[in-house]
Protein backbone atom coordinates (compact mmCIF):
# COMPACT_ATOMS: atom_id res chain seq x y z
CA MET A 1 19.97 24.81 48.13
CA ARG A 2 16.81 26.64 48.64
CA ALA A 3 15.75 28.62 45.25
CA LEU A 4 13.43 31.61 44.99
CA VAL A 5 13.25 32.40 41.68
CA VAL A 6 11.14 35.85 41.40
CA TYR A 7 9.39 35.45 37.55
CA CYS A 8 8.12 38.74 35.55
CA HIS A 9 6.10 38.85 32.08
CA PRO A 10 2.82 39.21 31.25
CA LYS A 11 2.66 36.65 29.12
CA ASN A 12 3.48 32.58 29.43
CA THR A 13 3.79 32.17 25.76
CA SER A 14 7.12 34.36 25.89
CA PHE A 15 10.80 33.89 25.32
CA THR A 16 11.22 34.63 29.01
CA ALA A 17 8.67 32.05 30.03
CA ALA A 18 11.21 29.89 28.08
CA VAL A 19 14.23 31.11 30.05
CA ARG A 20 12.29 30.10 33.06
CA ASP A 21 11.67 26.77 32.06
CA VAL A 22 15.59 26.43 31.64
CA VAL A 23 16.18 28.13 34.99
CA LEU A 24 13.77 25.93 37.06
CA GLU A 25 14.97 22.59 35.23
CA ARG A 26 18.44 23.01 35.55
CA LEU A 27 17.55 23.68 39.85
CA SER A 28 15.66 20.49 39.46
CA ALA A 29 18.66 18.53 38.17
CA ALA A 30 20.54 19.65 40.80
CA GLY A 31 18.06 18.65 43.60
CA ALA A 32 17.38 22.23 44.79
CA GLU A 33 14.20 23.33 47.03
CA MET A 34 12.58 25.68 45.00
CA ARG A 35 9.84 28.49 45.54
CA VAL A 36 8.64 30.61 42.45
CA ILE A 37 6.91 34.05 42.79
CA ASP A 38 5.19 34.60 39.23
CA LEU A 39 4.56 38.11 39.72
CA TYR A 40 1.86 38.84 36.84
CA LYS A 41 0.05 35.16 37.07
CA ARG A 42 -0.66 36.39 40.97
CA GLY A 43 -1.61 39.89 40.28
CA PHE A 44 1.12 41.24 42.71
CA ALA A 45 0.34 45.27 43.49
CA PRO A 46 3.22 46.58 43.05
CA VAL A 47 2.33 50.18 43.85
CA LEU A 48 3.74 51.01 47.78
CA THR A 49 0.53 52.78 49.36
CA GLY A 50 1.14 55.61 51.62
CA GLU A 51 -0.27 53.73 54.31
CA GLU A 52 2.79 51.28 53.57
CA LEU A 53 4.77 53.90 53.50
CA ASP A 54 3.42 55.22 56.96
CA ILE A 55 4.96 52.14 58.65
CA TYR A 56 7.83 51.25 56.63
CA GLU A 57 10.21 51.52 59.47
CA ASP A 58 7.62 49.66 62.12
CA THR A 59 8.93 46.54 62.48
CA PRO A 60 7.59 43.61 62.10
CA GLY A 61 4.48 45.22 61.30
CA ASN A 62 5.57 46.37 58.00
CA ARG A 63 5.51 43.29 56.61
CA ALA A 64 2.18 42.12 56.84
CA SER A 65 0.67 43.03 53.75
CA VAL A 66 3.54 41.08 52.28
CA ALA A 67 4.25 38.58 54.32
CA GLU A 68 4.25 35.71 52.19
CA ASP A 69 6.75 37.11 50.15
CA VAL A 70 8.85 38.27 53.05
CA ASP A 71 9.02 34.36 54.27
CA ASP A 72 9.68 33.37 51.02
CA ILE A 73 13.19 36.00 51.07
CA LEU A 74 13.96 35.02 54.34
CA TRP A 75 13.74 30.99 53.44
CA CYS A 76 15.98 31.39 50.14
CA ASP A 77 20.16 30.94 50.10
CA THR A 78 19.93 31.57 46.38
CA LEU A 79 17.71 34.58 44.59
CA ILE A 80 17.15 34.20 41.18
CA PHE A 81 15.23 37.30 38.74
CA ILE A 82 14.04 36.36 35.50
CA TYR A 83 12.61 39.32 33.64
CA PRO A 84 12.41 41.50 30.24
CA THR A 85 14.44 44.72 30.46
CA TRP A 86 12.21 47.43 29.41
CA TRP A 87 13.68 51.07 28.94
CA TYR A 88 16.60 49.94 29.88
CA GLY A 89 15.21 48.73 33.75
CA LEU A 90 12.92 46.56 35.49
CA PRO A 91 9.36 46.13 34.87
CA ALA A 92 7.07 48.03 36.81
CA MET A 93 6.05 44.90 38.58
CA LEU A 94 9.45 43.93 39.67
CA LYS A 95 10.65 47.25 40.62
CA GLY A 96 7.47 47.61 42.97
CA TRP A 97 8.29 43.98 44.21
CA LEU A 98 11.67 45.25 45.60
CA ASP A 99 9.76 48.58 46.72
CA ARG A 100 7.26 46.76 48.83
CA VAL A 101 9.56 43.48 49.81
CA LEU A 102 12.87 44.33 50.60
CA LEU A 103 12.07 46.30 53.70
CA PRO A 104 13.87 47.26 56.74
CA ASP A 105 14.43 44.56 58.71
CA VAL A 106 14.31 42.17 56.02
CA ALA A 107 16.70 43.21 53.08
CA PHE A 108 18.27 45.52 55.25
CA LEU A 109 19.19 47.30 58.78
CA MET A 110 18.17 51.04 59.08
CA PRO A 111 21.00 53.67 60.57
CA ASP A 112 20.90 53.96 64.64
CA GLY A 113 22.91 55.70 67.04
CA ASP A 114 25.80 53.66 65.96
CA ASN A 115 25.56 53.46 62.39
CA ASP A 116 25.17 56.32 59.65
CA ASN A 117 24.09 54.41 56.85
CA ILE A 118 22.33 51.32 55.91
CA ARG A 119 23.84 47.49 56.61
CA PRO A 120 22.77 43.80 55.01
CA GLY A 121 20.24 41.98 56.01
CA LEU A 122 19.95 39.29 53.27
CA THR A 123 23.15 37.89 54.27
CA HIS A 124 22.08 34.23 54.18
CA ILE A 125 21.81 34.39 50.24
CA SER A 126 24.78 33.30 48.71
CA ARG A 127 23.83 33.62 45.46
CA LEU A 128 21.80 35.91 42.78
CA GLY A 129 20.90 35.33 39.40
CA VAL A 130 19.75 37.65 36.58
CA PHE A 131 18.35 36.60 33.53
CA THR A 132 16.85 38.96 31.15
CA THR A 133 16.18 39.77 27.38
CA CYS A 134 17.03 43.61 26.14
CA GLY A 135 15.49 44.84 23.08
CA ALA A 136 18.71 47.27 22.58
CA SER A 137 22.19 45.95 21.46
CA TRP A 138 24.92 45.03 24.33
CA GLY A 139 26.59 48.49 23.50
CA LEU A 140 23.48 50.58 23.57
CA THR A 141 22.64 49.11 26.94
CA GLN A 142 26.41 50.01 28.10
CA MET A 143 26.23 53.36 26.96
CA ILE A 144 22.85 53.90 28.93
CA GLY A 145 24.17 52.58 32.08
CA ALA A 146 21.94 49.36 32.46
CA PRO A 147 20.28 50.44 35.43
CA GLY A 148 18.39 47.34 35.77
CA LYS A 149 21.22 45.24 36.07
CA ARG A 150 23.18 47.59 38.42
CA MET A 151 20.24 47.82 40.51
CA ILE A 152 20.24 43.80 40.96
CA LEU A 153 23.73 42.93 40.62
CA ARG A 154 24.96 46.38 42.25
CA GLY A 155 22.33 47.41 44.72
CA VAL A 156 20.69 44.12 45.74
CA ARG A 157 24.17 41.99 46.06
CA ALA A 158 25.29 44.74 48.45
CA ILE A 159 22.81 43.58 50.88
CA CYS A 160 23.19 39.98 50.41
CA ALA A 161 26.22 37.67 51.63
CA ARG A 162 29.70 39.25 51.08
CA ARG A 163 31.14 36.84 48.57
CA CYS A 164 27.57 36.30 47.10
CA ARG A 165 27.96 34.55 44.21
CA THR A 166 26.30 35.82 41.17
CA ALA A 167 25.33 35.08 37.51
CA PHE A 168 23.91 37.29 34.68
CA ALA A 169 23.02 36.23 31.12
CA ALA A 170 20.58 38.79 28.56
CA HIS A 171 19.45 37.82 25.15
CA TYR A 172 20.22 41.52 23.36
CA LEU A 173 18.88 42.65 20.26
CA MET A 174 15.62 40.71 20.96
CA ASP A 175 13.76 42.45 18.84
CA SER A 176 15.46 41.09 15.76
CA SER A 177 16.10 37.45 17.64
CA THR A 178 15.92 34.34 15.46
CA ASP A 179 15.04 30.95 16.26
CA ALA A 180 18.78 30.15 16.23
CA SER A 181 19.95 33.00 18.51
CA ARG A 182 17.06 32.16 20.85
CA ARG A 183 18.01 28.41 21.24
CA GLU A 184 21.82 29.64 21.58
CA HIS A 185 20.81 31.57 24.00
CA LEU A 186 19.05 28.97 26.34
CA ASP A 187 21.71 26.78 25.94
CA LYS A 188 23.88 29.49 26.92
CA VAL A 189 21.54 29.97 30.32
CA ALA A 190 21.75 26.14 31.26
CA ARG A 191 25.60 26.54 31.33
CA LYS A 192 25.43 29.77 33.23
CA MET A 193 22.70 27.95 35.87
CA ASP A 194 25.27 24.75 35.91
CA ARG A 195 28.09 26.85 37.18
CA PHE A 196 26.12 29.37 39.29
CA ILE A 197 24.64 26.50 40.97
CA GLY A 198 27.89 24.06 41.24
CA ALA A 199 26.68 21.66 39.00
CA VAL A 200 29.36 21.79 36.86
CA PRO A 201 32.78 20.36 38.05
CA GLU A 202 35.80 22.42 38.74
CA LYS A 203 37.58 21.06 35.77
CA ARG A 204 34.68 21.38 33.15
CA ARG A 205 34.01 25.03 34.33
CA GLU A 206 37.67 26.24 34.04
CA ALA A 207 37.79 24.60 30.43
CA ARG A 208 34.51 26.46 29.24
CA ALA A 209 35.98 30.06 30.69
């Protein structure tokens, strides 16, 4: 297993960092190869520039400014996003990463003479995970439409392998969370990860379902 973890939070003392640590620990325990992209630590520039837009469809030249990230995407078979949900969606830093890195001939194929729609380019990715926190409740998030979750688990998943396995865990009502609720959520993340990466035997998985 080759796992790419895209982590997005400005403070390394955050609860999101604790979630990241659990995810990495479970991957390590499963013997996975890992790469971590820490967007804030790297100072990733999230804005797609006019110059980049001009060469957006010019491949492979469109990769030049994000070559390292493109290499990571093409390397992995497991892609995991860890971030806080802000205004029901992705932090600007993470949305910008999607804009700049998931490029034509990297993440998807552009329409051509035989195809009038884009086609999947991440068919080597067979696992896609999202671990997030939300200030709002589950109910309010669903009423709004959970745009951040949908962008990744529907939008990105649509360009991954046909039977791409997914995992999702969110701590809702984060602003009124307690020590107990946070501990419970970290335990939930560990269980989700074990199922996601196949570290839990099938009989145990059925018992927990």
